[in-house]
Amino acid sequence: MFALTKSMNYYLCPGYTDMRRGIYSLYQMVKTQMKRNPVSDEVFIFLGKTRRQIKILHWENDGFILYHKKLEKGTYELPVYSSLEDRYHIGWQTFVLMLEGVGMRSATFRKRFEISVK
C-alpha cells in the first residue's frame, strides 16, 4: 500500500537534485552521498534547484515507490540543518508542514506526551 507514516524516518538530501533522475540514480545518491541504506524503512527526500519540485523515494517490501510533485506556484522551504547529526533528519510533522507550504522557521511545536519505544 502506498503510505508514508509518522513512524518512518525522513532524510532530506543535502543540496539540490536534478529532477530528471530516476529511481536507480536516486538510489545511488542515497548510498554514496547520504550514506544511508536505500532499502531500509527510511524515506528520502530530494528537492530541485528552484525548490518547486520534490521527489520522495521509499522502499516498500518488494520494490521502490517514487513520489514526484511539481508546484505550479510557490516553493518548498528547506528545514533547518542539524550540524550535530551532519544531515537533514526531519520528523513527520516537519515533513508534512514542508509539503503543505507552512513556514517552518516561524512554526512552533507544542510539547506532547509520547511513549518512547526502544
PDB file of N, CA and C in Angstrom:
ATOM      1  N   MET A   1       0.846  -1.185   0.000  1.00  0.00           N
ATOM      2  CA  MET A   1       0.000   0.000   0.000  1.00  0.00           C
ATOM      3  C   MET A   1       0.885   1.241   0.000  1.00  0.00           C
ATOM      4  N   PHE A   2       0.502   2.237  -0.738  1.00  0.00           N
ATOM      5  CA  PHE A   2       1.253   3.490  -0.777  1.00  0.00           C
ATOM      6  C   PHE A   2       0.992   4.254   0.511  1.00  0.00           C
ATOM      7  N   ALA A   3       2.005   4.386   1.343  1.00  0.00           N
ATOM      8  CA  ALA A   3       1.785   5.092   2.608  1.00  0.00           C
ATOM      9  C   ALA A   3       3.102   5.583   3.190  1.00  0.00           C
ATOM     10  N   LEU A   4       3.076   6.797   3.670  1.00  0.00           N
ATOM     11  CA  LEU A   4       4.165   7.355   4.452  1.00  0.00           C
ATOM     12  C   LEU A   4       3.575   7.651   5.820  1.00  0.00           C
ATOM     13  N   THR A   5       4.261   7.216   6.876  1.00  0.00           N
ATOM     14  CA  THR A   5       3.685   7.332   8.214  1.00  0.00           C
ATOM     15  C   THR A   5       4.609   8.050   9.186  1.00  0.00           C
ATOM     16  N   LYS A   6       4.058   8.348  10.326  1.00  0.00           N
ATOM     17  CA  LYS A   6       4.774   9.032  11.396  1.00  0.00           C
ATOM     18  C   LYS A   6       5.930   8.200  11.939  1.00  0.00           C
ATOM     19  N   SER A   7       5.820   6.891  11.871  1.00  0.00           N
ATOM     20  CA  SER A   7       6.844   6.017  12.452  1.00  0.00           C
ATOM     21  C   SER A   7       8.110   5.917  11.592  1.00  0.00           C
ATOM     22  N   MET A   8       8.086   6.444  10.393  1.00  0.00           N
ATOM     23  CA  MET A   8       9.245   6.362   9.499  1.00  0.00           C
ATOM     24  C   MET A   8      10.218   7.507   9.766  1.00  0.00           C
ATOM     25  N   ASN A   9      11.472   7.282   9.394  1.00  0.00           N
ATOM     26  CA  ASN A   9      12.492   8.327   9.476  1.00  0.00           C
ATOM     27  C   ASN A   9      12.620   8.980   8.107  1.00  0.00           C
ATOM     28  N   TYR A  10      12.718  10.311   8.100  1.00  0.00           N
ATOM     29  CA  TYR A  10      12.760  11.092   6.866  1.00  0.00           C
ATOM     30  C   TYR A  10      14.099  11.811   6.777  1.00  0.00           C
ATOM     31  N   TYR A  11      14.740  11.715   5.609  1.00  0.00           N
ATOM     32  CA  TYR A  11      16.031  12.348   5.391  1.00  0.00           C
ATOM     33  C   TYR A  11      15.988  13.159   4.103  1.00  0.00           C
ATOM     34  N   LEU A  12      16.408  14.410   4.211  1.00  0.00           N
ATOM     35  CA  LEU A  12      16.480  15.292   3.053  1.00  0.00           C
ATOM     36  C   LEU A  12      17.896  15.259   2.507  1.00  0.00           C
ATOM     37  N   CYS A  13      18.020  15.016   1.223  1.00  0.00           N
ATOM     38  CA  CYS A  13      19.325  15.002   0.575  1.00  0.00           C
ATOM     39  C   CYS A  13      19.882  16.431   0.562  1.00  0.00           C
ATOM     40  N   PRO A  14      21.101  16.632   1.045  1.00  0.00           N
ATOM     41  CA  PRO A  14      21.677  17.982   1.036  1.00  0.00           C
ATOM     42  C   PRO A  14      21.941  18.455  -0.390  1.00  0.00           C
ATOM     43  N   GLY A  15      21.791  19.736  -0.594  1.00  0.00           N
ATOM     44  CA  GLY A  15      21.992  20.295  -1.925  1.00  0.00           C
ATOM     45  C   GLY A  15      20.764  20.076  -2.792  1.00  0.00           C
ATOM     46  N   TYR A  16      20.917  20.379  -4.054  1.00  0.00           N
ATOM     47  CA  TYR A  16      19.796  20.245  -4.977  1.00  0.00           C
ATOM     48  C   TYR A  16      20.002  19.050  -5.896  1.00  0.00           C
ATOM     49  N   THR A  17      18.905  18.489  -6.349  1.00  0.00           N
ATOM     50  CA  THR A  17      18.927  17.286  -7.168  1.00  0.00           C
ATOM     51  C   THR A  17      18.369  17.583  -8.553  1.00  0.00           C
ATOM     52  N   ASP A  18      18.999  17.013  -9.564  1.00  0.00           N
ATOM     53  CA  ASP A  18      18.479  17.099 -10.930  1.00  0.00           C
ATOM     54  C   ASP A  18      17.193  16.279 -10.966  1.00  0.00           C
ATOM     55  N   MET A  19      16.071  16.915 -11.247  1.00  0.00           N
ATOM     56  CA  MET A  19      14.775  16.244 -11.190  1.00  0.00           C
ATOM     57  C   MET A  19      14.540  15.283 -12.353  1.00  0.00           C
ATOM     58  N   ARG A  20      15.508  15.175 -13.259  1.00  0.00           N
ATOM     59  CA  ARG A  20      15.406  14.165 -14.321  1.00  0.00           C
ATOM     60  C   ARG A  20      15.854  12.793 -13.826  1.00  0.00           C
ATOM     61  N   ARG A  21      16.452  12.758 -12.652  1.00  0.00           N
ATOM     62  CA  ARG A  21      16.940  11.491 -12.088  1.00  0.00           C
ATOM     63  C   ARG A  21      15.776  10.558 -11.776  1.00  0.00           C
ATOM     64  N   GLY A  22      16.016   9.279 -12.006  1.00  0.00           N
ATOM     65  CA  GLY A  22      15.012   8.260 -11.724  1.00  0.00           C
ATOM     66  C   GLY A  22      15.348   7.483 -10.463  1.00  0.00           C
ATOM     67  N   ILE A  23      14.636   6.398 -10.265  1.00  0.00           N
ATOM     68  CA  ILE A  23      14.766   5.605  -9.046  1.00  0.00           C
ATOM     69  C   ILE A  23      16.204   5.142  -8.807  1.00  0.00           C
ATOM     70  N   TYR A  24      16.843   4.557  -9.809  1.00  0.00           N
ATOM     71  CA  TYR A  24      18.162   3.968  -9.581  1.00  0.00           C
ATOM     72  C   TYR A  24      19.257   5.011  -9.403  1.00  0.00           C
ATOM     73  N   SER A  25      19.101   6.155 -10.025  1.00  0.00           N
ATOM     74  CA  SER A  25      20.046   7.250  -9.843  1.00  0.00           C
ATOM     75  C   SER A  25      19.893   7.844  -8.432  1.00  0.00           C
ATOM     76  N   LEU A  26      18.657   7.991  -7.979  1.00  0.00           N
ATOM     77  CA  LEU A  26      18.410   8.476  -6.612  1.00  0.00           C
ATOM     78  C   LEU A  26      18.890   7.444  -5.591  1.00  0.00           C
ATOM     79  N   TYR A  27      18.706   6.168  -5.905  1.00  0.00           N
ATOM     80  CA  TYR A  27      19.193   5.065  -5.067  1.00  0.00           C
ATOM     81  C   TYR A  27      20.696   5.221  -4.831  1.00  0.00           C
ATOM     82  N   GLN A  28      21.448   5.491  -5.909  1.00  0.00           N
ATOM     83  CA  GLN A  28      22.893   5.669  -5.803  1.00  0.00           C
ATOM     84  C   GLN A  28      23.247   6.895  -4.960  1.00  0.00           C
ATOM     85  N   MET A  29      22.470   7.966  -5.087  1.00  0.00           N
ATOM     86  CA  MET A  29      22.707   9.164  -4.277  1.00  0.00           C
ATOM     87  C   MET A  29      22.520   8.861  -2.792  1.00  0.00           C
ATOM     88  N   VAL A  30      21.511   8.069  -2.474  1.00  0.00           N
ATOM     89  CA  VAL A  30      21.259   7.702  -1.078  1.00  0.00           C
ATOM     90  C   VAL A  30      22.459   6.935  -0.531  1.00  0.00           C
ATOM     91  N   LYS A  31      22.971   5.989  -1.309  1.00  0.00           N
ATOM     92  CA  LYS A  31      24.102   5.178  -0.853  1.00  0.00           C
ATOM     93  C   LYS A  31      25.396   5.976  -0.739  1.00  0.00           C
ATOM     94  N   THR A  32      25.723   6.746  -1.762  1.00  0.00           N
ATOM     95  CA  THR A  32      27.026   7.400  -1.800  1.00  0.00           C
ATOM     96  C   THR A  32      27.044   8.769  -1.117  1.00  0.00           C
ATOM     97  N   GLN A  33      26.086   9.593  -1.419  1.00  0.00           N
ATOM     98  CA  GLN A  33      26.077  10.960  -0.894  1.00  0.00           C
ATOM     99  C   GLN A  33      25.512  11.039   0.527  1.00  0.00           C
ATOM    100  N   MET A  34      24.419  10.327   0.772  1.00  0.00           N
ATOM    101  CA  MET A  34      23.763  10.389   2.074  1.00  0.00           C
ATOM    102  C   MET A  34      24.277   9.313   3.030  1.00  0.00           C
ATOM    103  N   LYS A  35      24.947   8.309   2.493  1.00  0.00           N
ATOM    104  CA  LYS A  35      25.496   7.200   3.272  1.00  0.00           C
ATOM    105  C   LYS A  35      24.419   6.504   4.124  1.00  0.00           C
ATOM    106  N   ARG A  36      23.289   6.228   3.466  1.00  0.00           N
ATOM    107  CA  ARG A  36      22.160   5.548   4.114  1.00  0.00           C
ATOM    108  C   ARG A  36      21.842   4.295   3.289  1.00  0.00           C
ATOM    109  N   ASN A  37      21.018   3.428   3.850  1.00  0.00           N
ATOM    110  CA  ASN A  37      20.594   2.206   3.175  1.00  0.00           C
ATOM    111  C   ASN A  37      19.278   2.469   2.452  1.00  0.00           C
ATOM    112  N   PRO A  38      19.266   2.467   1.115  1.00  0.00           N
ATOM    113  CA  PRO A  38      18.052   2.790   0.364  1.00  0.00           C
ATOM    114  C   PRO A  38      16.904   1.794   0.549  1.00  0.00           C
ATOM    115  N   VAL A  39      17.207   0.551   0.950  1.00  0.00           N
ATOM    116  CA  VAL A  39      16.147  -0.445   1.113  1.00  0.00           C
ATOM    117  C   VAL A  39      15.735  -0.612   2.570  1.00  0.00           C
ATOM    118  N   SER A  40      15.972   0.410   3.363  1.00  0.00           N
ATOM    119  CA  SER A  40      15.529   0.420   4.758  1.00  0.00           C
ATOM    120  C   SER A  40      14.110   0.976   4.806  1.00  0.00           C
ATOM    121  N   ASP A  41      13.596   1.138   5.996  1.00  0.00           N
ATOM    122  CA  ASP A  41      12.252   1.716   6.155  1.00  0.00           C
ATOM    123  C   ASP A  41      12.325   3.239   6.239  1.00  0.00           C
ATOM    124  N   GLU A  42      13.391   3.813   5.691  1.00  0.00           N
ATOM    125  CA  GLU A  42      13.569   5.260   5.714  1.00  0.00           C
ATOM    126  C   GLU A  42      13.029   5.877   4.433  1.00  0.00           C
ATOM    127  N   VAL A  43      12.710   7.164   4.515  1.00  0.00           N
ATOM    128  CA  VAL A  43      12.164   7.904   3.383  1.00  0.00           C
ATOM    129  C   VAL A  43      13.182   8.979   3.008  1.00  0.00           C
ATOM    130  N   PHE A  44      13.475   9.096   1.721  1.00  0.00           N
ATOM    131  CA  PHE A  44      14.494  10.024   1.247  1.00  0.00           C
ATOM    132  C   PHE A  44      13.854  11.093   0.366  1.00  0.00           C
ATOM    133  N   ILE A  45      14.173  12.348   0.677  1.00  0.00           N
ATOM    134  CA  ILE A  45      13.528  13.498   0.046  1.00  0.00           C
ATOM    135  C   ILE A  45      14.573  14.256  -0.770  1.00  0.00           C
ATOM    136  N   PHE A  46      14.198  14.629  -1.990  1.00  0.00           N
ATOM    137  CA  PHE A  46      15.091  15.349  -2.892  1.00  0.00           C
ATOM    138  C   PHE A  46      14.362  16.573  -3.423  1.00  0.00           C
ATOM    139  N   LEU A  47      15.055  17.716  -3.430  1.00  0.00           N
ATOM    140  CA  LEU A  47      14.485  18.958  -3.953  1.00  0.00           C
ATOM    141  C   LEU A  47      15.238  19.404  -5.195  1.00  0.00           C
ATOM    142  N   GLY A  48      14.498  19.956  -6.143  1.00  0.00           N
ATOM    143  CA  GLY A  48      15.100  20.532  -7.338  1.00  0.00           C
ATOM    144  C   GLY A  48      15.731  21.883  -7.028  1.00  0.00           C
ATOM    145  N   LYS A  49      16.503  22.413  -7.959  1.00  0.00           N
ATOM    146  CA  LYS A  49      17.232  23.665  -7.752  1.00  0.00           C
ATOM    147  C   LYS A  49      16.313  24.841  -7.444  1.00  0.00           C
ATOM    148  N   THR A  50      15.163  24.905  -8.086  1.00  0.00           N
ATOM    149  CA  THR A  50      14.244  26.021  -7.846  1.00  0.00           C
ATOM    150  C   THR A  50      13.334  25.763  -6.642  1.00  0.00           C
ATOM    151  N   ARG A  51      13.449  24.584  -6.046  1.00  0.00           N
ATOM    152  CA  ARG A  51      12.621  24.145  -4.903  1.00  0.00           C
ATOM    153  C   ARG A  51      11.133  24.128  -5.242  1.00  0.00           C
ATOM    154  N   ARG A  52      10.804  23.960  -6.517  1.00  0.00           N
ATOM    155  CA  ARG A  52       9.397  23.825  -6.930  1.00  0.00           C
ATOM    156  C   ARG A  52       9.026  22.370  -7.162  1.00  0.00           C
ATOM    157  N   GLN A  53      10.047  21.496  -7.191  1.00  0.00           N
ATOM    158  CA  GLN A  53       9.796  20.074  -7.393  1.00  0.00           C
ATOM    159  C   GLN A  53      10.403  19.282  -6.243  1.00  0.00           C
ATOM    160  N   ILE A  54       9.708  18.211  -5.896  1.00  0.00           N
ATOM    161  CA  ILE A  54      10.173  17.331  -4.835  1.00  0.00           C
ATOM    162  C   ILE A  54       9.990  15.891  -5.290  1.00  0.00           C
ATOM    163  N   LYS A  55      10.968  15.066  -4.964  1.00  0.00           N
ATOM    164  CA  LYS A  55      10.868  13.620  -5.202  1.00  0.00           C
ATOM    165  C   LYS A  55      11.094  12.936  -3.862  1.00  0.00           C
ATOM    166  N   ILE A  56      10.317  11.906  -3.633  1.00  0.00           N
ATOM    167  CA  ILE A  56      10.386  11.158  -2.379  1.00  0.00           C
ATOM    168  C   ILE A  56      10.558   9.688  -2.732  1.00  0.00           C
ATOM    169  N   LEU A  57      11.648   9.098  -2.257  1.00  0.00           N
ATOM    170  CA  LEU A  57      11.973   7.708  -2.562  1.00  0.00           C
ATOM    171  C   LEU A  57      11.797   6.857  -1.311  1.00  0.00           C
ATOM    172  N   HIS A  58      11.103   5.735  -1.474  1.00  0.00           N
ATOM    173  CA  HIS A  58      10.835   4.856  -0.340  1.00  0.00           C
ATOM    174  C   HIS A  58      10.776   3.408  -0.799  1.00  0.00           C
ATOM    175  N   TRP A  59      11.454   2.535  -0.064  1.00  0.00           N
ATOM    176  CA  TRP A  59      11.411   1.102  -0.337  1.00  0.00           C
ATOM    177  C   TRP A  59      10.236   0.512   0.413  1.00  0.00           C
ATOM    178  N   GLU A  60       9.417  -0.259  -0.273  1.00  0.00           N
ATOM    179  CA  GLU A  60       8.261  -0.881   0.370  1.00  0.00           C
ATOM    180  C   GLU A  60       8.210  -2.362   0.021  1.00  0.00           C
ATOM    181  N   ASN A  61       8.632  -3.190   0.943  1.00  0.00           N
ATOM    182  CA  ASN A  61       8.598  -4.664   0.856  1.00  0.00           C
ATOM    183  C   ASN A  61       9.297  -5.264  -0.350  1.00  0.00           C
ATOM    184  N   ASP A  62       8.823  -5.006  -1.549  1.00  0.00           N
ATOM    185  CA  ASP A  62       9.375  -5.682  -2.713  1.00  0.00           C
ATOM    186  C   ASP A  62       9.747  -4.746  -3.863  1.00  0.00           C
ATOM    187  N   GLY A  63       9.771  -3.449  -3.600  1.00  0.00           N
ATOM    188  CA  GLY A  63      10.137  -2.507  -4.654  1.00  0.00           C
ATOM    189  C   GLY A  63      10.110  -1.072  -4.182  1.00  0.00           C
ATOM    190  N   PHE A  64      10.618  -0.192  -5.032  1.00  0.00           N
ATOM    191  CA  PHE A  64      10.666   1.229  -4.706  1.00  0.00           C
ATOM    192  C   PHE A  64       9.392   1.936  -5.125  1.00  0.00           C
ATOM    193  N   ILE A  65       9.049   2.953  -4.351  1.00  0.00           N
ATOM    194  CA  ILE A  65       7.988   3.887  -4.710  1.00  0.00           C
ATOM    195  C   ILE A  65       8.653   5.248  -4.856  1.00  0.00           C
ATOM    196  N   LEU A  66       8.345   5.932  -5.937  1.00  0.00           N
ATOM    197  CA  LEU A  66       8.890   7.266  -6.166  1.00  0.00           C
ATOM    198  C   LEU A  66       7.724   8.230  -6.322  1.00  0.00           C
ATOM    199  N   TYR A  67       7.611   9.128  -5.354  1.00  0.00           N
ATOM    200  CA  TYR A  67       6.601  10.186  -5.425  1.00  0.00           C
ATOM    201  C   TYR A  67       7.267  11.397  -6.064  1.00  0.00           C
ATOM    202  N   HIS A  68       6.547  12.108  -6.921  1.00  0.00           N
ATOM    203  CA  HIS A  68       7.085  13.296  -7.582  1.00  0.00           C
ATOM    204  C   HIS A  68       5.984  14.352  -7.618  1.00  0.00           C
ATOM    205  N   LYS A  69       6.290  15.525  -7.081  1.00  0.00           N
ATOM    206  CA  LYS A  69       5.315  16.608  -7.096  1.00  0.00           C
ATOM    207  C   LYS A  69       5.991  17.875  -7.592  1.00  0.00           C
ATOM    208  N   LYS A  70       5.290  18.579  -8.486  1.00  0.00           N
ATOM    209  CA  LYS A  70       5.780  19.846  -9.021  1.00  0.00           C
ATOM    210  C   LYS A  70       4.755  20.917  -8.675  1.00  0.00           C
ATOM    211  N   LEU A  71       5.208  21.938  -7.956  1.00  0.00           N
ATOM    212  CA  LEU A  71       4.316  23.033  -7.583  1.00  0.00           C
ATOM    213  C   LEU A  71       4.096  23.963  -8.769  1.00  0.00           C
ATOM    214  N   GLU A  72       2.878  24.384  -8.962  1.00  0.00           N
ATOM    215  CA  GLU A  72       2.571  25.352 -10.013  1.00  0.00           C
ATOM    216  C   GLU A  72       2.906  26.768  -9.549  1.00  0.00           C
ATOM    217  N   LYS A  73       2.872  26.994  -8.236  1.00  0.00           N
ATOM    218  CA  LYS A  73       3.181  28.305  -7.679  1.00  0.00           C
ATOM    219  C   LYS A  73       3.798  28.091  -6.302  1.00  0.00           C
ATOM    220  N   GLY A  74       4.797  28.897  -5.972  1.00  0.00           N
ATOM    221  CA  GLY A  74       5.439  28.786  -4.663  1.00  0.00           C
ATOM    222  C   GLY A  74       6.623  27.834  -4.687  1.00  0.00           C
ATOM    223  N   THR A  75       7.253  27.693  -3.524  1.00  0.00           N
ATOM    224  CA  THR A  75       8.426  26.820  -3.384  1.00  0.00           C
ATOM    225  C   THR A  75       8.344  26.054  -2.071  1.00  0.00           C
ATOM    226  N   TYR A  76       9.147  25.011  -1.972  1.00  0.00           N
ATOM    227  CA  TYR A  76       9.282  24.262  -0.724  1.00  0.00           C
ATOM    228  C   TYR A  76      10.348  24.930   0.131  1.00  0.00           C
ATOM    229  N   GLU A  77      10.114  24.990   1.428  1.00  0.00           N
ATOM    230  CA  GLU A  77      11.088  25.567   2.357  1.00  0.00           C
ATOM    231  C   GLU A  77      12.013  24.477   2.863  1.00  0.00           C
ATOM    232  N   LEU A  78      13.296  24.800   2.938  1.00  0.00           N
ATOM    233  CA  LEU A  78      14.261  23.852   3.481  1.00  0.00           C
ATOM    234  C   LEU A  78      14.150  23.806   4.998  1.00  0.00           C
ATOM    235  N   PRO A  79      14.161  22.613   5.589  1.00  0.00           N
ATOM    236  CA  PRO A  79      14.187  22.530   7.051  1.00  0.00           C
ATOM    237  C   PRO A  79      15.556  22.949   7.581  1.00  0.00           C
ATOM    238  N   VAL A  80      15.654  23.145   8.858  1.00  0.00           N
ATOM    239  CA  VAL A  80      16.904  23.564   9.485  1.00  0.00           C
ATOM    240  C   VAL A  80      17.892  22.399   9.468  1.00  0.00           C
ATOM    241  N   TYR A  81      19.124  22.681   9.080  1.00  0.00           N
ATOM    242  CA  TYR A  81      20.173  21.659   9.012  1.00  0.00           C
ATOM    243  C   TYR A  81      20.666  21.342  10.418  1.00  0.00           C
ATOM    244  N   SER A  82      20.794  20.062  10.749  1.00  0.00           N
ATOM    245  CA  SER A  82      21.284  19.632  12.055  1.00  0.00           C
ATOM    246  C   SER A  82      22.789  19.413  11.978  1.00  0.00           C
ATOM    247  N   SER A  83      23.567  20.355  12.520  1.00  0.00           N
ATOM    248  CA  SER A  83      25.019  20.216  12.481  1.00  0.00           C
ATOM    249  C   SER A  83      25.500  19.120  13.430  1.00  0.00           C
ATOM    250  N   LEU A  84      24.700  18.802  14.451  1.00  0.00           N
ATOM    251  CA  LEU A  84      25.069  17.720  15.371  1.00  0.00           C
ATOM    252  C   LEU A  84      25.053  16.370  14.662  1.00  0.00           C
ATOM    253  N   GLU A  85      24.032  16.135  13.855  1.00  0.00           N
ATOM    254  CA  GLU A  85      23.907  14.870  13.142  1.00  0.00           C
ATOM    255  C   GLU A  85      24.579  14.926  11.774  1.00  0.00           C
ATOM    256  N   ASP A  86      24.952  16.117  11.313  1.00  0.00           N
ATOM    257  CA  ASP A  86      25.550  16.328   9.998  1.00  0.00           C
ATOM    258  C   ASP A  86      24.667  15.781   8.879  1.00  0.00           C
ATOM    259  N   ARG A  87      23.346  15.984   9.028  1.00  0.00           N
ATOM    260  CA  ARG A  87      22.402  15.559   7.995  1.00  0.00           C
ATOM    261  C   ARG A  87      21.051  16.207   8.264  1.00  0.00           C
ATOM    262  N   TYR A  88      20.222  16.142   7.265  1.00  0.00           N
ATOM    263  CA  TYR A  88      18.864  16.644   7.372  1.00  0.00           C
ATOM    264  C   TYR A  88      17.943  15.495   7.778  1.00  0.00           C
ATOM    265  N   HIS A  89      17.857  15.223   9.048  1.00  0.00           N
ATOM    266  CA  HIS A  89      16.901  14.227   9.542  1.00  0.00           C
ATOM    267  C   HIS A  89      15.699  15.028  10.021  1.00  0.00           C
ATOM    268  N   ILE A  90      14.555  14.827   9.383  1.00  0.00           N
ATOM    269  CA  ILE A  90      13.389  15.618   9.746  1.00  0.00           C
ATOM    270  C   ILE A  90      12.289  14.707  10.267  1.00  0.00           C
ATOM    271  N   GLY A  91      11.488  15.242  11.137  1.00  0.00           N
ATOM    272  CA  GLY A  91      10.385  14.481  11.702  1.00  0.00           C
ATOM    273  C   GLY A  91       9.146  14.534  10.821  1.00  0.00           C
ATOM    274  N   TRP A  92       8.187  13.721  11.156  1.00  0.00           N
ATOM    275  CA  TRP A  92       6.921  13.625  10.434  1.00  0.00           C
ATOM    276  C   TRP A  92       6.239  14.987  10.337  1.00  0.00           C
ATOM    277  N   GLN A  93       6.158  15.705  11.474  1.00  0.00           N
ATOM    278  CA  GLN A  93       5.469  16.997  11.487  1.00  0.00           C
ATOM    279  C   GLN A  93       6.144  17.988  10.548  1.00  0.00           C
ATOM    280  N   THR A  94       7.455  18.035  10.576  1.00  0.00           N
ATOM    281  CA  THR A  94       8.201  18.941   9.701  1.00  0.00           C
ATOM    282  C   THR A  94       7.997  18.560   8.242  1.00  0.00           C
ATOM    283  N   PHE A  95       7.995  17.263   7.961  1.00  0.00           N
ATOM    284  CA  PHE A  95       7.775  16.776   6.598  1.00  0.00           C
ATOM    285  C   PHE A  95       6.406  17.216   6.078  1.00  0.00           C
ATOM    286  N   VAL A  96       5.376  17.048   6.891  1.00  0.00           N
ATOM    287  CA  VAL A  96       4.012  17.434   6.487  1.00  0.00           C
ATOM    288  C   VAL A  96       3.920  18.947   6.296  1.00  0.00           C
ATOM    289  N   LEU A  97       4.500  19.718   7.210  1.00  0.00           N
ATOM    290  CA  LEU A  97       4.482  21.181   7.080  1.00  0.00           C
ATOM    291  C   LEU A  97       5.205  21.617   5.809  1.00  0.00           C
ATOM    292  N   MET A  98       6.306  20.957   5.515  1.00  0.00           N
ATOM    293  CA  MET A  98       7.071  21.276   4.314  1.00  0.00           C
ATOM    294  C   MET A  98       6.221  21.045   3.060  1.00  0.00           C
ATOM    295  N   LEU A  99       5.518  19.917   3.006  1.00  0.00           N
ATOM    296  CA  LEU A  99       4.673  19.619   1.848  1.00  0.00           C
ATOM    297  C   LEU A  99       3.484  20.566   1.739  1.00  0.00           C
ATOM    298  N   GLU A 100       2.975  21.016   2.877  1.00  0.00           N
ATOM    299  CA  GLU A 100       1.806  21.901   2.884  1.00  0.00           C
ATOM    300  C   GLU A 100       2.165  23.367   2.685  1.00  0.00           C
ATOM    301  N   GLY A 101       3.464  23.688   2.686  1.00  0.00           N
ATOM    302  CA  GLY A 101       3.883  25.062   2.433  1.00  0.00           C
ATOM    303  C   GLY A 101       3.875  25.967   3.652  1.00  0.00           C
ATOM    304  N   VAL A 102       3.899  25.383   4.843  1.00  0.00           N
ATOM    305  CA  VAL A 102       3.921  26.172   6.081  1.00  0.00           C
ATOM    306  C   VAL A 102       5.371  26.563   6.375  1.00  0.00           C
ATOM    307  N   GLY A 103       5.587  27.827   6.737  1.00  0.00           N
ATOM    308  CA  GLY A 103       6.916  28.301   7.084  1.00  0.00           C
ATOM    309  C   GLY A 103       7.381  27.667   8.380  1.00  0.00           C
ATOM    310  N   MET A 104       8.424  26.863   8.307  1.00  0.00           N
ATOM    311  CA  MET A 104       8.870  26.104   9.472  1.00  0.00           C
ATOM    312  C   MET A 104       9.689  26.924  10.446  1.00  0.00           C
ATOM    313  N   ARG A 105      10.285  27.981   9.995  1.00  0.00           N
ATOM    314  CA  ARG A 105      11.102  28.806  10.894  1.00  0.00           C
ATOM    315  C   ARG A 105      10.240  29.542  11.907  1.00  0.00           C
ATOM    316  N   SER A 106       9.005  29.827  11.523  1.00  0.00           N
ATOM    317  CA  SER A 106       8.118  30.534  12.446  1.00  0.00           C
ATOM    318  C   SER A 106       7.161  29.593  13.167  1.00  0.00           C
ATOM    319  N   ALA A 107       7.109  28.328  12.744  1.00  0.00           N
ATOM    320  CA  ALA A 107       6.207  27.361  13.379  1.00  0.00           C
ATOM    321  C   ALA A 107       6.801  26.896  14.705  1.00  0.00           C
ATOM    322  N   THR A 108       5.957  26.781  15.697  1.00  0.00           N
ATOM    323  CA  THR A 108       6.404  26.236  16.978  1.00  0.00           C
ATOM    324  C   THR A 108       5.592  24.986  17.281  1.00  0.00           C
ATOM    325  N   PHE A 109       6.268  24.000  17.820  1.00  0.00           N
ATOM    326  CA  PHE A 109       5.616  22.744  18.168  1.00  0.00           C
ATOM    327  C   PHE A 109       5.384  22.712  19.679  1.00  0.00           C
ATOM    328  N   ARG A 110       4.171  22.519  20.075  1.00  0.00           N
ATOM    329  CA  ARG A 110       3.839  22.397  21.489  1.00  0.00           C
ATOM    330  C   ARG A 110       4.230  21.010  21.971  1.00  0.00           C
ATOM    331  N   LYS A 111       4.615  20.932  23.236  1.00  0.00           N
ATOM    332  CA  LYS A 111       5.002  19.649  23.805  1.00  0.00           C
ATOM    333  C   LYS A 111       3.801  18.725  23.880  1.00  0.00           C
ATOM    334  N   ARG A 112       4.057  17.457  23.588  1.00  0.00           N
ATOM    335  CA  ARG A 112       3.053  16.415  23.654  1.00  0.00           C
ATOM    336  C   ARG A 112       3.657  15.203  24.346  1.00  0.00           C
ATOM    337  N   PHE A 113       2.819  14.459  25.032  1.00  0.00           N
ATOM    338  CA  PHE A 113       3.254  13.225  25.666  1.00  0.00           C
ATOM    339  C   PHE A 113       3.500  12.190  24.596  1.00  0.00           C
ATOM    340  N   GLU A 114       4.612  11.490  24.711  1.00  0.00           N
ATOM    341  CA  GLU A 114       4.919  10.447  23.757  1.00  0.00           C
ATOM    342  C   GLU A 114       5.668   9.331  24.456  1.00  0.00           C
ATOM    343  N   ILE A 115       5.221   8.122  24.253  1.00  0.00           N
ATOM    344  CA  ILE A 115       5.887   6.961  24.843  1.00  0.00           C
ATOM    345  C   ILE A 115       7.059   6.594  23.962  1.00  0.00           C
ATOM    346  N   SER A 116       8.219   6.485  24.579  1.00  0.00           N
ATOM    347  CA  SER A 116       9.410   6.150  23.829  1.00  0.00           C
ATOM    348  C   SER A 116       9.573   4.630  23.827  1.00  0.00           C
ATOM    349  N   VAL A 117       9.517   4.050  22.634  1.00  0.00           N
ATOM    350  CA  VAL A 117       9.658   2.604  22.474  1.00  0.00           C
ATOM    351  C   VAL A 117      11.066   2.336  21.958  1.00  0.00           C
ATOM    352  N   LYS A 118      11.871   1.623  22.739  1.00  0.00           N
ATOM    353  CA  LYS A 118      13.258   1.327  22.320  1.00  0.00           C
ATOM    354  C   LYS A 118      13.586  -0.108  22.515  1.00  0.00           C
TER     355      LYS A 118
END
